[in-house]
N, C-alpha and C. Protein backbone atom coordinates (compact mmCIF):
# COMPACT_ATOMS: atom_id res chain seq x y z
N UNK A 1 -13.29 -2.81 10.48
CA UNK A 1 -12.09 -3.41 9.98
C UNK A 1 -12.24 -3.55 8.47
N UNK A 2 -11.23 -3.15 7.73
CA UNK A 2 -11.29 -3.21 6.28
C UNK A 2 -10.81 -4.57 5.79
N UNK A 3 -11.32 -4.94 4.63
CA UNK A 3 -10.93 -6.18 3.99
C UNK A 3 -9.52 -6.01 3.43
N UNK A 4 -8.73 -7.04 3.56
CA UNK A 4 -7.36 -7.02 3.04
C UNK A 4 -7.42 -7.07 1.52
N UNK A 5 -6.74 -6.15 0.87
CA UNK A 5 -6.78 -6.07 -0.58
C UNK A 5 -5.58 -6.79 -1.17
N UNK A 6 -5.85 -7.59 -2.16
CA UNK A 6 -4.79 -8.34 -2.82
C UNK A 6 -3.85 -7.39 -3.55
N UNK A 7 -4.38 -6.31 -4.10
CA UNK A 7 -3.54 -5.31 -4.76
C UNK A 7 -2.49 -4.74 -3.82
N UNK A 8 -2.88 -4.50 -2.59
CA UNK A 8 -1.93 -3.98 -1.60
C UNK A 8 -0.81 -4.99 -1.35
N UNK A 9 -1.18 -6.25 -1.20
CA UNK A 9 -0.19 -7.29 -0.95
C UNK A 9 0.76 -7.46 -2.13
N UNK A 10 0.21 -7.43 -3.33
CA UNK A 10 1.06 -7.55 -4.53
C UNK A 10 1.98 -6.34 -4.65
N UNK A 11 1.45 -5.16 -4.36
CA UNK A 11 2.28 -3.95 -4.39
C UNK A 11 3.43 -4.02 -3.40
N UNK A 12 3.14 -4.46 -2.18
CA UNK A 12 4.20 -4.62 -1.19
C UNK A 12 5.25 -5.63 -1.65
N UNK A 13 4.78 -6.73 -2.21
CA UNK A 13 5.68 -7.78 -2.70
C UNK A 13 6.61 -7.22 -3.79
N UNK A 14 6.04 -6.52 -4.75
CA UNK A 14 6.83 -6.01 -5.88
C UNK A 14 7.82 -4.93 -5.42
N UNK A 15 7.35 -4.00 -4.60
CA UNK A 15 8.25 -2.93 -4.14
C UNK A 15 9.39 -3.50 -3.30
N UNK A 16 9.07 -4.41 -2.39
CA UNK A 16 10.12 -5.03 -1.57
C UNK A 16 11.07 -5.84 -2.44
N UNK A 17 10.54 -6.51 -3.47
CA UNK A 17 11.40 -7.29 -4.36
C UNK A 17 12.37 -6.42 -5.14
N UNK A 18 11.88 -5.32 -5.66
CA UNK A 18 12.74 -4.42 -6.44
C UNK A 18 13.81 -3.80 -5.54
N UNK A 19 13.41 -3.35 -4.38
CA UNK A 19 14.39 -2.75 -3.45
C UNK A 19 15.41 -3.80 -3.01
N UNK A 20 14.95 -5.01 -2.74
CA UNK A 20 15.86 -6.08 -2.32
C UNK A 20 16.82 -6.45 -3.45
N UNK A 21 16.32 -6.54 -4.66
CA UNK A 21 17.19 -6.86 -5.79
C UNK A 21 18.27 -5.80 -5.97
N UNK A 22 17.86 -4.52 -5.92
CA UNK A 22 18.82 -3.43 -6.06
C UNK A 22 19.80 -3.41 -4.90
N UNK A 23 19.29 -3.66 -3.69
CA UNK A 23 20.18 -3.70 -2.53
C UNK A 23 21.16 -4.86 -2.60
N UNK A 24 20.71 -6.01 -3.07
CA UNK A 24 21.61 -7.16 -3.21
C UNK A 24 22.69 -6.90 -4.24
N UNK A 25 22.30 -6.26 -5.34
CA UNK A 25 23.29 -5.93 -6.37
C UNK A 25 24.33 -4.94 -5.85
N UNK A 26 23.87 -3.92 -5.13
CA UNK A 26 24.77 -2.94 -4.54
C UNK A 26 25.66 -3.58 -3.49
N UNK A 27 25.08 -4.36 -2.61
CA UNK A 27 25.83 -5.00 -1.53
C UNK A 27 26.89 -5.94 -2.09
N UNK A 28 26.54 -6.69 -3.14
CA UNK A 28 27.49 -7.62 -3.72
C UNK A 28 28.64 -6.89 -4.41
N UNK A 29 28.37 -5.71 -4.95
CA UNK A 29 29.45 -4.95 -5.60
C UNK A 29 30.41 -4.36 -4.58
N UNK A 30 29.93 -4.11 -3.36
CA UNK A 30 30.76 -3.52 -2.32
C UNK A 30 31.46 -4.59 -1.48
N UNK A 31 30.76 -5.68 -1.23
CA UNK A 31 31.32 -6.71 -0.37
C UNK A 31 30.69 -8.05 -0.68
N UNK A 32 30.51 -8.82 0.35
CA UNK A 32 29.97 -10.17 0.20
C UNK A 32 28.51 -10.17 0.63
N UNK A 33 27.64 -10.64 -0.26
CA UNK A 33 26.21 -10.68 0.01
C UNK A 33 25.91 -11.67 1.13
N UNK A 34 25.15 -11.27 2.15
CA UNK A 34 24.81 -12.20 3.22
C UNK A 34 23.91 -13.32 2.71
N UNK A 35 23.94 -14.44 3.40
CA UNK A 35 23.16 -15.60 2.98
C UNK A 35 21.70 -15.49 3.36
N UNK A 36 20.89 -16.32 2.72
CA UNK A 36 19.46 -16.41 3.02
C UNK A 36 19.29 -17.49 4.08
N UNK A 37 18.71 -17.17 5.23
CA UNK A 37 18.58 -18.19 6.29
C UNK A 37 17.52 -19.24 5.96
N UNK A 38 17.80 -20.47 6.32
CA UNK A 38 16.84 -21.55 6.13
C UNK A 38 15.62 -21.31 7.01
N UNK A 39 15.84 -20.69 8.16
CA UNK A 39 14.76 -20.46 9.12
C UNK A 39 13.67 -19.56 8.55
N UNK A 40 13.97 -18.76 7.56
CA UNK A 40 12.97 -17.85 7.00
C UNK A 40 11.78 -18.63 6.45
N UNK A 41 12.05 -19.63 5.65
CA UNK A 41 10.95 -20.40 5.08
C UNK A 41 10.27 -21.26 6.14
N UNK A 42 11.03 -21.73 7.12
CA UNK A 42 10.44 -22.55 8.18
C UNK A 42 9.47 -21.73 9.03
N UNK A 43 9.88 -20.54 9.42
CA UNK A 43 9.02 -19.69 10.25
C UNK A 43 7.77 -19.27 9.48
N UNK A 44 7.94 -18.89 8.23
CA UNK A 44 6.78 -18.50 7.43
C UNK A 44 5.83 -19.69 7.23
N UNK A 45 6.37 -20.88 7.04
CA UNK A 45 5.52 -22.07 6.89
C UNK A 45 4.77 -22.38 8.19
N UNK A 46 5.41 -22.18 9.33
CA UNK A 46 4.74 -22.40 10.62
C UNK A 46 3.60 -21.39 10.82
N UNK A 47 3.83 -20.16 10.44
CA UNK A 47 2.78 -19.14 10.54
C UNK A 47 1.61 -19.49 9.62
N UNK A 48 1.93 -19.95 8.41
CA UNK A 48 0.87 -20.35 7.48
C UNK A 48 0.07 -21.52 8.04
N UNK A 49 0.75 -22.47 8.66
CA UNK A 49 0.06 -23.61 9.26
C UNK A 49 -0.83 -23.17 10.42
N UNK A 50 -0.34 -22.26 11.24
CA UNK A 50 -1.14 -21.76 12.36
C UNK A 50 -2.38 -21.02 11.87
N UNK A 51 -2.22 -20.21 10.85
CA UNK A 51 -3.37 -19.48 10.29
C UNK A 51 -4.39 -20.44 9.67
N UNK A 52 -3.89 -21.42 8.93
CA UNK A 52 -4.80 -22.39 8.31
C UNK A 52 -5.53 -23.21 9.36
N UNK A 53 -4.81 -23.63 10.40
CA UNK A 53 -5.45 -24.41 11.46
C UNK A 53 -6.51 -23.59 12.19
N UNK A 54 -6.21 -22.32 12.43
CA UNK A 54 -7.18 -21.44 13.08
C UNK A 54 -8.42 -21.27 12.19
N UNK A 55 -8.20 -21.09 10.90
CA UNK A 55 -9.33 -20.91 9.98
C UNK A 55 -10.19 -22.17 9.92
N UNK A 56 -9.56 -23.32 9.88
CA UNK A 56 -10.32 -24.57 9.82
C UNK A 56 -11.11 -24.80 11.11
N UNK A 57 -10.48 -24.51 12.24
CA UNK A 57 -11.17 -24.68 13.53
C UNK A 57 -12.34 -23.71 13.65
N UNK A 58 -12.13 -22.47 13.29
CA UNK A 58 -13.22 -21.49 13.37
C UNK A 58 -14.33 -21.82 12.38
N UNK A 59 -13.95 -22.30 11.20
CA UNK A 59 -14.97 -22.64 10.20
C UNK A 59 -15.87 -23.77 10.70
N UNK A 60 -15.28 -24.79 11.31
CA UNK A 60 -16.11 -25.89 11.81
C UNK A 60 -16.98 -25.45 12.98
N UNK A 61 -16.45 -24.60 13.86
CA UNK A 61 -17.26 -24.10 14.98
C UNK A 61 -18.38 -23.20 14.50
N UNK A 62 -18.09 -22.35 13.52
CA UNK A 62 -19.13 -21.46 12.98
C UNK A 62 -20.19 -22.26 12.23
N UNK A 63 -19.78 -23.29 11.52
CA UNK A 63 -20.75 -24.13 10.81
C UNK A 63 -21.67 -24.83 11.81
N UNK A 64 -21.08 -25.38 12.88
CA UNK A 64 -21.90 -26.06 13.90
C UNK A 64 -22.85 -25.08 14.57
N UNK A 65 -22.38 -23.88 14.81
CA UNK A 65 -23.23 -22.85 15.43
C UNK A 65 -24.36 -22.44 14.48
N UNK A 66 -24.04 -22.30 13.20
CA UNK A 66 -25.04 -21.92 12.21
C UNK A 66 -26.11 -23.00 12.04
N UNK A 67 -25.70 -24.25 12.14
CA UNK A 67 -26.64 -25.37 12.01
C UNK A 67 -27.37 -25.66 13.32
N UNK A 68 -27.05 -24.87 14.34
CA UNK A 68 -27.70 -24.98 15.66
C UNK A 68 -27.62 -26.38 16.25
N UNK A 69 -26.43 -26.94 16.16
CA UNK A 69 -26.21 -28.25 16.77
C UNK A 69 -26.21 -28.09 18.29
N UNK A 70 -26.73 -29.05 19.03
CA UNK A 70 -26.78 -28.92 20.49
C UNK A 70 -25.39 -28.92 21.13
N UNK A 71 -24.43 -29.58 20.52
CA UNK A 71 -23.09 -29.63 21.09
C UNK A 71 -22.17 -28.54 20.53
N UNK A 72 -22.74 -27.58 19.81
CA UNK A 72 -21.95 -26.54 19.16
C UNK A 72 -21.33 -25.61 20.20
N UNK A 73 -20.04 -25.38 20.03
CA UNK A 73 -19.31 -24.42 20.85
C UNK A 73 -19.34 -23.09 20.12
N UNK A 74 -19.82 -22.07 20.78
CA UNK A 74 -19.90 -20.76 20.15
C UNK A 74 -18.54 -20.13 19.92
N UNK A 75 -18.51 -19.17 19.03
CA UNK A 75 -17.29 -18.42 18.73
C UNK A 75 -17.47 -17.00 19.23
N UNK A 76 -16.61 -16.60 20.13
CA UNK A 76 -16.64 -15.23 20.63
C UNK A 76 -16.25 -14.28 19.48
N UNK A 77 -17.05 -13.27 19.20
CA UNK A 77 -16.73 -12.35 18.11
C UNK A 77 -15.36 -11.68 18.27
N UNK A 78 -14.97 -11.44 19.50
CA UNK A 78 -13.66 -10.82 19.73
C UNK A 78 -12.53 -11.78 19.35
N UNK A 79 -12.70 -13.05 19.59
CA UNK A 79 -11.70 -14.05 19.20
C UNK A 79 -11.57 -14.09 17.68
N UNK A 80 -12.70 -14.07 16.99
CA UNK A 80 -12.68 -14.08 15.53
C UNK A 80 -12.03 -12.80 14.99
N UNK A 81 -12.35 -11.67 15.60
CA UNK A 81 -11.75 -10.41 15.16
C UNK A 81 -10.25 -10.40 15.39
N UNK A 82 -9.80 -10.92 16.52
CA UNK A 82 -8.36 -11.00 16.78
C UNK A 82 -7.67 -11.92 15.79
N UNK A 83 -8.32 -13.02 15.45
CA UNK A 83 -7.75 -13.94 14.47
C UNK A 83 -7.60 -13.27 13.12
N UNK A 84 -8.61 -12.50 12.72
CA UNK A 84 -8.55 -11.80 11.44
C UNK A 84 -7.43 -10.75 11.45
N UNK A 85 -7.30 -10.03 12.54
CA UNK A 85 -6.24 -9.01 12.64
C UNK A 85 -4.87 -9.68 12.58
N UNK A 86 -4.71 -10.80 13.27
CA UNK A 86 -3.45 -11.54 13.21
C UNK A 86 -3.18 -12.00 11.78
N UNK A 87 -4.21 -12.48 11.11
CA UNK A 87 -4.05 -12.92 9.73
C UNK A 87 -3.67 -11.78 8.80
N UNK A 88 -4.32 -10.64 8.96
CA UNK A 88 -4.00 -9.49 8.11
C UNK A 88 -2.58 -8.99 8.35
N UNK A 89 -2.19 -8.90 9.61
CA UNK A 89 -0.83 -8.46 9.91
C UNK A 89 0.19 -9.45 9.37
N UNK A 90 -0.10 -10.73 9.52
CA UNK A 90 0.81 -11.76 9.01
C UNK A 90 0.93 -11.68 7.50
N UNK A 91 -0.18 -11.44 6.82
CA UNK A 91 -0.16 -11.35 5.36
C UNK A 91 0.67 -10.15 4.89
N UNK A 92 0.54 -9.02 5.57
CA UNK A 92 1.32 -7.84 5.19
C UNK A 92 2.81 -8.08 5.38
N UNK A 93 3.18 -8.64 6.53
CA UNK A 93 4.59 -8.90 6.80
C UNK A 93 5.12 -9.98 5.86
N UNK A 94 4.32 -11.00 5.60
CA UNK A 94 4.76 -12.08 4.71
C UNK A 94 4.94 -11.56 3.28
N UNK A 95 4.11 -10.62 2.86
CA UNK A 95 4.28 -10.02 1.53
C UNK A 95 5.61 -9.29 1.43
N UNK A 96 5.93 -8.55 2.47
CA UNK A 96 7.22 -7.85 2.49
C UNK A 96 8.39 -8.84 2.51
N UNK A 97 8.30 -9.85 3.37
CA UNK A 97 9.38 -10.84 3.47
C UNK A 97 9.54 -11.62 2.17
N UNK A 98 8.42 -12.04 1.59
CA UNK A 98 8.49 -12.79 0.33
C UNK A 98 9.08 -11.93 -0.78
N UNK A 99 8.71 -10.66 -0.81
CA UNK A 99 9.30 -9.76 -1.79
C UNK A 99 10.79 -9.58 -1.58
N UNK A 100 11.18 -9.45 -0.33
CA UNK A 100 12.61 -9.28 -0.02
C UNK A 100 13.41 -10.51 -0.45
N UNK A 101 12.92 -11.70 -0.08
CA UNK A 101 13.63 -12.92 -0.46
C UNK A 101 13.50 -13.18 -1.96
N UNK A 102 12.39 -12.78 -2.54
CA UNK A 102 12.25 -12.92 -3.98
C UNK A 102 13.24 -12.07 -4.75
N UNK A 103 13.43 -10.83 -4.31
CA UNK A 103 14.42 -9.96 -4.95
C UNK A 103 15.82 -10.50 -4.82
N UNK A 104 16.16 -10.99 -3.64
CA UNK A 104 17.49 -11.58 -3.44
C UNK A 104 17.63 -12.85 -4.28
N UNK A 105 16.57 -13.64 -4.35
CA UNK A 105 16.61 -14.85 -5.17
C UNK A 105 16.78 -14.56 -6.63
N UNK A 106 16.11 -13.54 -7.14
CA UNK A 106 16.26 -13.16 -8.55
C UNK A 106 17.68 -12.70 -8.81
N UNK A 107 18.26 -11.94 -7.89
CA UNK A 107 19.65 -11.52 -8.05
C UNK A 107 20.57 -12.72 -8.11
N UNK A 108 20.35 -13.67 -7.20
CA UNK A 108 21.20 -14.86 -7.19
C UNK A 108 21.05 -15.68 -8.46
N UNK A 109 19.84 -15.81 -8.96
CA UNK A 109 19.60 -16.57 -10.19
C UNK A 109 20.23 -15.87 -11.39
N UNK A 110 20.16 -14.55 -11.41
CA UNK A 110 20.69 -13.80 -12.56
C UNK A 110 22.20 -13.78 -12.62
N UNK A 111 22.85 -13.70 -11.46
CA UNK A 111 24.28 -13.42 -11.48
C UNK A 111 25.17 -14.47 -10.82
N UNK A 112 24.64 -15.32 -9.97
CA UNK A 112 25.56 -16.12 -9.17
C UNK A 112 25.22 -17.60 -9.09
N UNK A 113 24.58 -18.16 -10.11
CA UNK A 113 24.26 -19.59 -10.06
C UNK A 113 25.46 -20.48 -10.34
N UNK A 114 26.59 -19.90 -10.72
CA UNK A 114 27.80 -20.70 -10.97
C UNK A 114 28.38 -21.26 -9.68
N UNK A 115 28.11 -20.62 -8.57
CA UNK A 115 28.65 -21.04 -7.28
C UNK A 115 27.63 -21.93 -6.57
N UNK A 116 28.04 -23.13 -6.10
CA UNK A 116 27.09 -24.04 -5.45
C UNK A 116 26.43 -23.45 -4.20
N UNK A 117 27.19 -22.68 -3.42
CA UNK A 117 26.62 -22.07 -2.22
C UNK A 117 25.52 -21.08 -2.59
N UNK A 118 25.74 -20.30 -3.62
CA UNK A 118 24.75 -19.31 -4.05
C UNK A 118 23.53 -19.99 -4.69
N UNK A 119 23.75 -21.13 -5.35
CA UNK A 119 22.62 -21.88 -5.89
C UNK A 119 21.73 -22.36 -4.75
N UNK A 120 22.37 -22.83 -3.68
CA UNK A 120 21.62 -23.26 -2.50
C UNK A 120 20.88 -22.08 -1.86
N UNK A 121 21.49 -20.92 -1.83
CA UNK A 121 20.85 -19.73 -1.29
C UNK A 121 19.64 -19.33 -2.14
N UNK A 122 19.73 -19.49 -3.45
CA UNK A 122 18.60 -19.19 -4.33
C UNK A 122 17.43 -20.14 -4.05
N UNK A 123 17.73 -21.40 -3.75
CA UNK A 123 16.68 -22.35 -3.41
C UNK A 123 16.03 -21.96 -2.09
N UNK A 124 16.82 -21.56 -1.10
CA UNK A 124 16.26 -21.10 0.18
C UNK A 124 15.39 -19.87 -0.02
N UNK A 125 15.82 -18.96 -0.88
CA UNK A 125 15.02 -17.76 -1.14
C UNK A 125 13.71 -18.13 -1.82
N UNK A 126 13.75 -19.06 -2.76
CA UNK A 126 12.53 -19.51 -3.41
C UNK A 126 11.57 -20.18 -2.44
N UNK A 127 12.12 -20.97 -1.51
CA UNK A 127 11.28 -21.61 -0.49
C UNK A 127 10.63 -20.56 0.41
N UNK A 128 11.37 -19.50 0.73
CA UNK A 128 10.81 -18.43 1.56
C UNK A 128 9.69 -17.71 0.82
N UNK A 129 9.83 -17.51 -0.47
CA UNK A 129 8.77 -16.87 -1.26
C UNK A 129 7.52 -17.75 -1.28
N UNK A 130 7.69 -19.04 -1.48
CA UNK A 130 6.55 -19.96 -1.49
C UNK A 130 5.87 -19.98 -0.12
N UNK A 131 6.66 -20.01 0.95
CA UNK A 131 6.08 -20.00 2.30
C UNK A 131 5.36 -18.67 2.57
N UNK A 132 5.90 -17.56 2.09
CA UNK A 132 5.23 -16.27 2.24
C UNK A 132 3.90 -16.23 1.51
N UNK A 133 3.86 -16.81 0.32
CA UNK A 133 2.60 -16.89 -0.42
C UNK A 133 1.60 -17.77 0.32
N UNK A 134 2.10 -18.82 0.97
CA UNK A 134 1.22 -19.69 1.76
C UNK A 134 0.62 -18.92 2.95
N UNK A 135 1.41 -18.05 3.57
CA UNK A 135 0.89 -17.23 4.67
C UNK A 135 -0.22 -16.31 4.16
N UNK A 136 0.00 -15.68 3.02
CA UNK A 136 -1.01 -14.79 2.45
C UNK A 136 -2.28 -15.57 2.13
N UNK A 137 -2.14 -16.74 1.53
CA UNK A 137 -3.31 -17.56 1.19
C UNK A 137 -4.07 -17.98 2.44
N UNK A 138 -3.35 -18.40 3.47
CA UNK A 138 -4.01 -18.81 4.72
C UNK A 138 -4.70 -17.62 5.39
N UNK A 139 -4.09 -16.45 5.33
CA UNK A 139 -4.69 -15.26 5.94
C UNK A 139 -5.96 -14.86 5.19
N UNK A 140 -5.93 -14.94 3.87
CA UNK A 140 -7.13 -14.62 3.10
C UNK A 140 -8.24 -15.64 3.36
N UNK A 141 -7.87 -16.91 3.53
CA UNK A 141 -8.84 -17.94 3.87
C UNK A 141 -9.46 -17.67 5.24
N UNK A 142 -8.63 -17.32 6.21
CA UNK A 142 -9.11 -17.00 7.55
C UNK A 142 -10.06 -15.80 7.51
N UNK A 143 -9.70 -14.79 6.75
CA UNK A 143 -10.56 -13.61 6.63
C UNK A 143 -11.91 -13.98 6.01
N UNK A 144 -11.88 -14.85 5.03
CA UNK A 144 -13.13 -15.28 4.38
C UNK A 144 -13.99 -16.11 5.34
N UNK A 145 -13.36 -16.95 6.15
CA UNK A 145 -14.10 -17.77 7.11
C UNK A 145 -14.80 -16.89 8.14
N UNK A 146 -14.15 -15.83 8.56
CA UNK A 146 -14.70 -14.98 9.63
C UNK A 146 -15.62 -13.88 9.11
N UNK A 147 -15.87 -13.86 7.81
CA UNK A 147 -16.76 -12.86 7.25
C UNK A 147 -18.19 -13.16 7.68
N UNK A 148 -18.90 -12.12 8.09
CA UNK A 148 -20.29 -12.29 8.51
C UNK A 148 -21.16 -12.64 7.31
N UNK A 149 -22.16 -13.51 7.50
CA UNK A 149 -22.99 -13.93 6.37
C UNK A 149 -23.79 -12.80 5.74
N UNK A 150 -24.18 -11.79 6.51
CA UNK A 150 -25.00 -10.73 5.95
C UNK A 150 -24.17 -9.69 5.20
N UNK A 151 -22.84 -9.88 5.13
CA UNK A 151 -22.01 -8.96 4.38
C UNK A 151 -22.21 -9.16 2.89
N UNK A 152 -22.25 -8.04 2.19
CA UNK A 152 -22.28 -8.10 0.74
C UNK A 152 -20.91 -7.71 0.21
N UNK A 153 -20.86 -7.36 -1.04
CA UNK A 153 -19.61 -6.94 -1.64
C UNK A 153 -19.32 -5.47 -1.38
N UNK A 154 -20.15 -4.82 -0.58
CA UNK A 154 -20.01 -3.39 -0.34
C UNK A 154 -19.27 -3.07 0.95
N UNK A 155 -18.40 -3.98 1.42
CA UNK A 155 -17.55 -3.76 2.59
C UNK A 155 -18.31 -3.37 3.84
N UNK A 156 -19.37 -4.08 4.14
CA UNK A 156 -20.05 -3.88 5.41
C UNK A 156 -21.16 -2.86 5.38
N UNK A 157 -21.39 -2.18 4.26
CA UNK A 157 -22.47 -1.21 4.21
C UNK A 157 -23.79 -1.96 4.32
N UNK A 158 -24.70 -1.41 5.03
CA UNK A 158 -25.99 -2.03 5.19
C UNK A 158 -26.12 -2.85 6.46
N UNK A 159 -25.11 -2.86 7.32
CA UNK A 159 -25.24 -3.58 8.57
C UNK A 159 -26.07 -2.80 9.55
N UNK A 160 -26.20 -1.50 9.32
CA UNK A 160 -27.13 -0.71 10.11
C UNK A 160 -26.57 -0.14 11.39
N UNK A 161 -25.54 -0.73 11.95
CA UNK A 161 -25.03 -0.23 13.23
C UNK A 161 -23.60 0.23 13.16
N UNK A 162 -23.09 0.44 11.96
CA UNK A 162 -21.72 0.92 11.84
C UNK A 162 -20.70 -0.17 12.07
N UNK A 163 -21.11 -1.41 12.04
CA UNK A 163 -20.18 -2.53 12.25
C UNK A 163 -19.21 -2.60 11.08
N UNK A 164 -18.15 -3.27 11.30
CA UNK A 164 -17.11 -3.36 10.30
C UNK A 164 -17.34 -4.46 9.29
N UNK A 165 -18.28 -5.32 9.54
CA UNK A 165 -18.53 -6.39 8.61
C UNK A 165 -17.73 -7.64 8.93
N UNK A 166 -17.13 -7.70 10.06
CA UNK A 166 -16.33 -8.84 10.49
C UNK A 166 -16.85 -9.37 11.80
N UNK A 167 -16.69 -10.65 12.02
CA UNK A 167 -17.08 -11.25 13.31
C UNK A 167 -15.89 -11.32 14.21
């Protein structure tokens, strides 16, 4: 499993933002721009909370296991790997969503802040961008928690058995 690259996430965010901004401008010139749902930021915030909670729980279990506490509950490597995959997928989707709402928000800020409804939509878009960034941060934290201690900066080289460098 490869490490999630921040450059990839930023690239997705920027490309989605530019396409969304251009699409919003085109859509508004043809008709009425659809609104930004409040649920977007709520769902992204819930995903960020779930990822952060998973990372904190796994971190405490891994720490107890590393310290060889008698009451330590072990962590199944497959569970950790699934958590990392969920985090990576969530980060990629959140980057796209945050870019999309960011582009729409920039369009609203640039052209339509005179209307109270559109000002409210810009706030919702900004909240969705912040929640998307929170998902990315939680996913990166989860990935860091599940990194094997013998990993170096060489992406798993030197593990000897072709392992991916993840638990």
